[in-house]
């Protein structure tokens, strides 16, 4: 079966133009329990402020925002590569906010986003990527299936959207 989505790198202007779509993806994930730095109750205004900050960061060359767009030209998934790191770390990047809307799950979108993000990182001279995720989550299992190496677990690192304390697993991948 052919994928029903395509991937695109979003400019700062495109993020602003599609801010409602991006906000919908973020809200769907947070309201579904994803541990991606936000708490419940989660409001669309919070999502819009976040995406405006991401647009500004893209404009400054600090990060790359990659999106999965469905057949109706609606964003259904996204992931970010943070490239603005200290000067002694030009060889690495940080992966952030892998988000797939609930209506787009189990279609290979997360896998495609991560594969393309790794390609973008390689093309940008990155040799090492790092990320963190909630310990025991489906995301943790996903990253392991994608060949990411577990570096360790930090207990009581963050809160889940409902306020429950959770540990965080750190991962890395050599490119």
C-alpha atoms as a PDB file:
ATOM      1  CA  UNK A   1       0.000   0.000   0.000  1.00  0.00           C
ATOM      2  CA  UNK A   2       1.330   3.446  -0.925  1.00  0.00           C
ATOM      3  CA  UNK A   3       1.765   5.976   1.863  1.00  0.00           C
ATOM      4  CA  UNK A   4      -1.054   8.510   2.043  1.00  0.00           C
ATOM      5  CA  UNK A   5       1.241  11.276   3.227  1.00  0.00           C
ATOM      6  CA  UNK A   6       4.368  13.132   2.194  1.00  0.00           C
ATOM      7  CA  UNK A   7       7.114  14.782   4.215  1.00  0.00           C
ATOM      8  CA  UNK A   8       8.173  18.406   4.004  1.00  0.00           C
ATOM      9  CA  UNK A   9      10.526  20.694   5.881  1.00  0.00           C
ATOM     10  CA  UNK A  10       8.632  23.726   7.142  1.00  0.00           C
ATOM     11  CA  UNK A  11      10.005  27.250   6.892  1.00  0.00           C
ATOM     12  CA  UNK A  12       9.218  29.797   9.600  1.00  0.00           C
ATOM     13  CA  UNK A  13       6.563  31.265   7.331  1.00  0.00           C
ATOM     14  CA  UNK A  14       4.985  27.871   6.683  1.00  0.00           C
ATOM     15  CA  UNK A  15       4.822  27.149  10.415  1.00  0.00           C
ATOM     16  CA  UNK A  16       2.972  30.417  10.930  1.00  0.00           C
ATOM     17  CA  UNK A  17       0.654  29.732   7.986  1.00  0.00           C
ATOM     18  CA  UNK A  18      -0.131  26.221   9.278  1.00  0.00           C
ATOM     19  CA  UNK A  19      -0.153  27.079  12.982  1.00  0.00           C
ATOM     20  CA  UNK A  20      -3.732  25.830  13.451  1.00  0.00           C
ATOM     21  CA  UNK A  21      -2.881  22.436  11.934  1.00  0.00           C
ATOM     22  CA  UNK A  22       0.299  22.132  14.005  1.00  0.00           C
ATOM     23  CA  UNK A  23      -1.597  23.191  17.130  1.00  0.00           C
ATOM     24  CA  UNK A  24      -4.226  20.531  16.438  1.00  0.00           C
ATOM     25  CA  UNK A  25      -1.539  17.824  16.278  1.00  0.00           C
ATOM     26  CA  UNK A  26       0.078  19.011  19.510  1.00  0.00           C
ATOM     27  CA  UNK A  27      -3.261  19.291  21.341  1.00  0.00           C
ATOM     28  CA  UNK A  28      -4.331  15.836  20.176  1.00  0.00           C
ATOM     29  CA  UNK A  29      -1.091  14.310  21.465  1.00  0.00           C
ATOM     30  CA  UNK A  30      -1.071  16.118  24.823  1.00  0.00           C
ATOM     31  CA  UNK A  31      -4.771  15.456  25.414  1.00  0.00           C
ATOM     32  CA  UNK A  32      -4.061  11.813  24.555  1.00  0.00           C
ATOM     33  CA  UNK A  33      -1.475  11.599  27.339  1.00  0.00           C
ATOM     34  CA  UNK A  34       1.809  12.204  25.493  1.00  0.00           C
ATOM     35  CA  UNK A  35       4.612  13.464  27.713  1.00  0.00           C
ATOM     36  CA  UNK A  36       5.895  16.301  25.520  1.00  0.00           C
ATOM     37  CA  UNK A  37       6.411  19.099  28.089  1.00  0.00           C
ATOM     38  CA  UNK A  38       2.791  20.214  28.529  1.00  0.00           C
ATOM     39  CA  UNK A  39       0.167  19.719  31.217  1.00  0.00           C
ATOM     40  CA  UNK A  40      -3.599  19.201  31.246  1.00  0.00           C
ATOM     41  CA  UNK A  41      -5.887  20.960  30.752  1.00  0.00           C
ATOM     42  CA  UNK A  42      -4.232  21.868  27.467  1.00  0.00           C
ATOM     43  CA  UNK A  43      -5.506  24.816  25.474  1.00  0.00           C
ATOM     44  CA  UNK A  44      -5.178  25.668  21.768  1.00  0.00           C
ATOM     45  CA  UNK A  45      -3.726  29.043  22.780  1.00  0.00           C
ATOM     46  CA  UNK A  46      -0.858  27.255  24.536  1.00  0.00           C
ATOM     47  CA  UNK A  47      -0.202  25.267  21.371  1.00  0.00           C
ATOM     48  CA  UNK A  48      -0.255  28.405  19.205  1.00  0.00           C
ATOM     49  CA  UNK A  49       2.266  30.155  21.481  1.00  0.00           C
ATOM     50  CA  UNK A  50       4.516  27.092  21.331  1.00  0.00           C
ATOM     51  CA  UNK A  51       4.397  26.916  17.524  1.00  0.00           C
ATOM     52  CA  UNK A  52       5.070  30.642  17.182  1.00  0.00           C
ATOM     53  CA  UNK A  53       8.209  30.115  19.279  1.00  0.00           C
ATOM     54  CA  UNK A  54       9.177  27.232  16.997  1.00  0.00           C
ATOM     55  CA  UNK A  55       8.647  29.450  13.951  1.00  0.00           C
ATOM     56  CA  UNK A  56      10.962  32.054  15.466  1.00  0.00           C
ATOM     57  CA  UNK A  57      13.539  29.357  16.241  1.00  0.00           C
ATOM     58  CA  UNK A  58      13.430  28.083  12.645  1.00  0.00           C
ATOM     59  CA  UNK A  59      13.864  31.649  11.376  1.00  0.00           C
ATOM     60  CA  UNK A  60      16.988  31.964  13.542  1.00  0.00           C
ATOM     61  CA  UNK A  61      18.410  28.701  12.167  1.00  0.00           C
ATOM     62  CA  UNK A  62      18.223  26.974  15.543  1.00  0.00           C
ATOM     63  CA  UNK A  63      16.090  24.021  14.484  1.00  0.00           C
ATOM     64  CA  UNK A  64      14.499  22.157  11.606  1.00  0.00           C
ATOM     65  CA  UNK A  65      10.791  21.307  11.713  1.00  0.00           C
ATOM     66  CA  UNK A  66       9.715  18.389   9.554  1.00  0.00           C
ATOM     67  CA  UNK A  67       6.037  17.642   8.884  1.00  0.00           C
ATOM     68  CA  UNK A  68       3.990  14.770   7.510  1.00  0.00           C
ATOM     69  CA  UNK A  69       1.143  16.069   5.359  1.00  0.00           C
ATOM     70  CA  UNK A  70      -1.863  13.937   4.382  1.00  0.00           C
ATOM     71  CA  UNK A  71      -3.730  13.735   1.056  1.00  0.00           C
ATOM     72  CA  UNK A  72      -5.960  16.657   2.100  1.00  0.00           C
ATOM     73  CA  UNK A  73      -2.842  18.831   2.629  1.00  0.00           C
ATOM     74  CA  UNK A  74      -3.277  18.743   6.422  1.00  0.00           C
ATOM     75  CA  UNK A  75      -0.360  18.197   8.800  1.00  0.00           C
ATOM     76  CA  UNK A  76      -0.760  14.925  10.689  1.00  0.00           C
ATOM     77  CA  UNK A  77       2.703  14.556  12.188  1.00  0.00           C
ATOM     78  CA  UNK A  78       5.846  16.476  12.982  1.00  0.00           C
ATOM     79  CA  UNK A  79       9.316  16.177  14.492  1.00  0.00           C
ATOM     80  CA  UNK A  80      12.112  18.640  15.199  1.00  0.00           C
ATOM     81  CA  UNK A  81      15.891  18.611  14.975  1.00  0.00           C
ATOM     82  CA  UNK A  82      17.563  21.107  17.287  1.00  0.00           C
ATOM     83  CA  UNK A  83      20.853  22.194  15.743  1.00  0.00           C
ATOM     84  CA  UNK A  84      21.682  25.262  17.856  1.00  0.00           C
ATOM     85  CA  UNK A  85      24.021  23.619  20.355  1.00  0.00           C
ATOM     86  CA  UNK A  86      27.196  24.746  22.135  1.00  0.00           C
ATOM     87  CA  UNK A  87      30.212  25.344  19.916  1.00  0.00           C
ATOM     88  CA  UNK A  88      31.955  22.207  21.206  1.00  0.00           C
ATOM     89  CA  UNK A  89      29.065  20.061  19.887  1.00  0.00           C
ATOM     90  CA  UNK A  90      28.761  20.877  16.171  1.00  0.00           C
ATOM     91  CA  UNK A  91      28.642  17.171  15.338  1.00  0.00           C
ATOM     92  CA  UNK A  92      25.361  16.406  17.095  1.00  0.00           C
ATOM     93  CA  UNK A  93      21.698  17.307  17.158  1.00  0.00           C
ATOM     94  CA  UNK A  94      18.762  16.807  19.483  1.00  0.00           C
ATOM     95  CA  UNK A  95      15.477  15.274  18.390  1.00  0.00           C
ATOM     96  CA  UNK A  96      12.357  16.832  19.906  1.00  0.00           C
ATOM     97  CA  UNK A  97       8.587  16.582  19.771  1.00  0.00           C
ATOM     98  CA  UNK A  98       7.885  13.573  17.572  1.00  0.00           C
ATOM     99  CA  UNK A  99       4.108  14.001  17.293  1.00  0.00           C
ATOM    100  CA  UNK A 100       1.596  12.058  15.216  1.00  0.00           C
ATOM    101  CA  UNK A 101      -2.105  12.902  15.363  1.00  0.00           C
ATOM    102  CA  UNK A 102      -4.231   9.982  16.577  1.00  0.00           C
ATOM    103  CA  UNK A 103      -5.955   9.762  13.169  1.00  0.00           C
ATOM    104  CA  UNK A 104      -2.579   9.146  11.523  1.00  0.00           C
ATOM    105  CA  UNK A 105      -1.115   6.501  13.790  1.00  0.00           C
ATOM    106  CA  UNK A 106      -0.068   3.018  12.669  1.00  0.00           C
ATOM    107  CA  UNK A 107       0.565   4.240   9.116  1.00  0.00           C
ATOM    108  CA  UNK A 108       4.363   4.497   9.264  1.00  0.00           C
ATOM    109  CA  UNK A 109       4.354   8.268   9.773  1.00  0.00           C
ATOM    110  CA  UNK A 110       6.585   8.313  12.874  1.00  0.00           C
ATOM    111  CA  UNK A 111       9.048   5.949  11.208  1.00  0.00           C
ATOM    112  CA  UNK A 112       9.126   8.065   8.042  1.00  0.00           C
ATOM    113  CA  UNK A 113       9.582  11.293  10.031  1.00  0.00           C
ATOM    114  CA  UNK A 114      12.476   9.838  12.012  1.00  0.00           C
ATOM    115  CA  UNK A 115      14.136   8.387   8.901  1.00  0.00           C
ATOM    116  CA  UNK A 116      13.974  11.700   7.071  1.00  0.00           C
ATOM    117  CA  UNK A 117      15.133  13.603  10.158  1.00  0.00           C
ATOM    118  CA  UNK A 118      18.196  11.359  10.315  1.00  0.00           C
ATOM    119  CA  UNK A 119      18.885  12.086   6.626  1.00  0.00           C
ATOM    120  CA  UNK A 120      18.590  15.829   7.237  1.00  0.00           C
ATOM    121  CA  UNK A 121      20.939  15.530  10.212  1.00  0.00           C
ATOM    122  CA  UNK A 122      23.519  13.599   8.151  1.00  0.00           C
ATOM    123  CA  UNK A 123      23.322  16.147   5.335  1.00  0.00           C
ATOM    124  CA  UNK A 124      23.917  18.856   7.951  1.00  0.00           C
ATOM    125  CA  UNK A 125      27.106  17.172   9.139  1.00  0.00           C
ATOM    126  CA  UNK A 126      25.636  15.610  12.272  1.00  0.00           C
ATOM    127  CA  UNK A 127      27.098  12.288  13.397  1.00  0.00           C
ATOM    128  CA  UNK A 128      25.198  11.835  16.652  1.00  0.00           C
ATOM    129  CA  UNK A 129      21.590  12.396  17.656  1.00  0.00           C
ATOM    130  CA  UNK A 130      20.104  12.340  21.155  1.00  0.00           C
ATOM    131  CA  UNK A 131      16.572  12.370  22.531  1.00  0.00           C
ATOM    132  CA  UNK A 132      14.613  11.641  25.667  1.00  0.00           C
ATOM    133  CA  UNK A 133      11.202  10.123  26.252  1.00  0.00           C
ATOM    134  CA  UNK A 134       8.972   8.940  29.062  1.00  0.00           C
ATOM    135  CA  UNK A 135      10.186   5.635  30.460  1.00  0.00           C
ATOM    136  CA  UNK A 136       7.765   2.781  29.795  1.00  0.00           C
ATOM    137  CA  UNK A 137       5.955   4.649  27.016  1.00  0.00           C
ATOM    138  CA  UNK A 138       5.159   3.371  23.571  1.00  0.00           C
ATOM    139  CA  UNK A 139       7.640   5.958  22.300  1.00  0.00           C
ATOM    140  CA  UNK A 140      10.434   4.283  24.277  1.00  0.00           C
ATOM    141  CA  UNK A 141       9.682   0.966  22.568  1.00  0.00           C
ATOM    142  CA  UNK A 142       9.425   2.701  19.181  1.00  0.00           C
ATOM    143  CA  UNK A 143      12.891   4.275  19.467  1.00  0.00           C
ATOM    144  CA  UNK A 144      14.437   0.946  20.458  1.00  0.00           C
ATOM    145  CA  UNK A 145      12.845  -0.701  17.392  1.00  0.00           C
ATOM    146  CA  UNK A 146      14.348   2.105  15.275  1.00  0.00           C
ATOM    147  CA  UNK A 147      17.871   1.259  16.417  1.00  0.00           C
ATOM    148  CA  UNK A 148      18.331   3.927  19.074  1.00  0.00           C
ATOM    149  CA  UNK A 149      20.601   2.995  21.988  1.00  0.00           C
ATOM    150  CA  UNK A 150      19.417   3.462  25.533  1.00  0.00           C
ATOM    151  CA  UNK A 151      21.918   5.566  27.498  1.00  0.00           C
ATOM    152  CA  UNK A 152      20.105   5.526  30.839  1.00  0.00           C
ATOM    153  CA  UNK A 153      17.102   6.468  32.898  1.00  0.00           C
ATOM    154  CA  UNK A 154      16.627   9.514  35.112  1.00  0.00           C
ATOM    155  CA  UNK A 155      14.028   8.811  37.812  1.00  0.00           C
ATOM    156  CA  UNK A 156      11.273  11.329  38.537  1.00  0.00           C
ATOM    157  CA  UNK A 157      12.464  13.580  35.708  1.00  0.00           C
ATOM    158  CA  UNK A 158       9.166  15.043  34.518  1.00  0.00           C
ATOM    159  CA  UNK A 159       5.432  15.041  34.941  1.00  0.00           C
ATOM    160  CA  UNK A 160       2.960  13.370  32.641  1.00  0.00           C
ATOM    161  CA  UNK A 161       0.171  15.678  31.390  1.00  0.00           C
ATOM    162  CA  UNK A 162      -2.063  14.471  34.239  1.00  0.00           C
ATOM    163  CA  UNK A 163       0.551  15.411  36.867  1.00  0.00           C
ATOM    164  CA  UNK A 164       1.916  11.930  37.559  1.00  0.00           C
ATOM    165  CA  UNK A 165       5.701  11.843  38.022  1.00  0.00           C
ATOM    166  CA  UNK A 166       7.583   9.813  35.426  1.00  0.00           C
ATOM    167  CA  UNK A 167      11.127   8.770  34.701  1.00  0.00           C
ATOM    168  CA  UNK A 168      12.820   9.714  31.451  1.00  0.00           C
ATOM    169  CA  UNK A 169      14.900   7.446  29.236  1.00  0.00           C
ATOM    170  CA  UNK A 170      17.799   9.004  27.332  1.00  0.00           C
ATOM    171  CA  UNK A 171      18.664   7.649  23.891  1.00  0.00           C
ATOM    172  CA  UNK A 172      21.385   8.249  21.307  1.00  0.00           C
ATOM    173  CA  UNK A 173      21.995   7.170  17.742  1.00  0.00           C
ATOM    174  CA  UNK A 174      25.224   7.336  15.795  1.00  0.00           C
ATOM    175  CA  UNK A 175      24.625   8.209  12.153  1.00  0.00           C
END
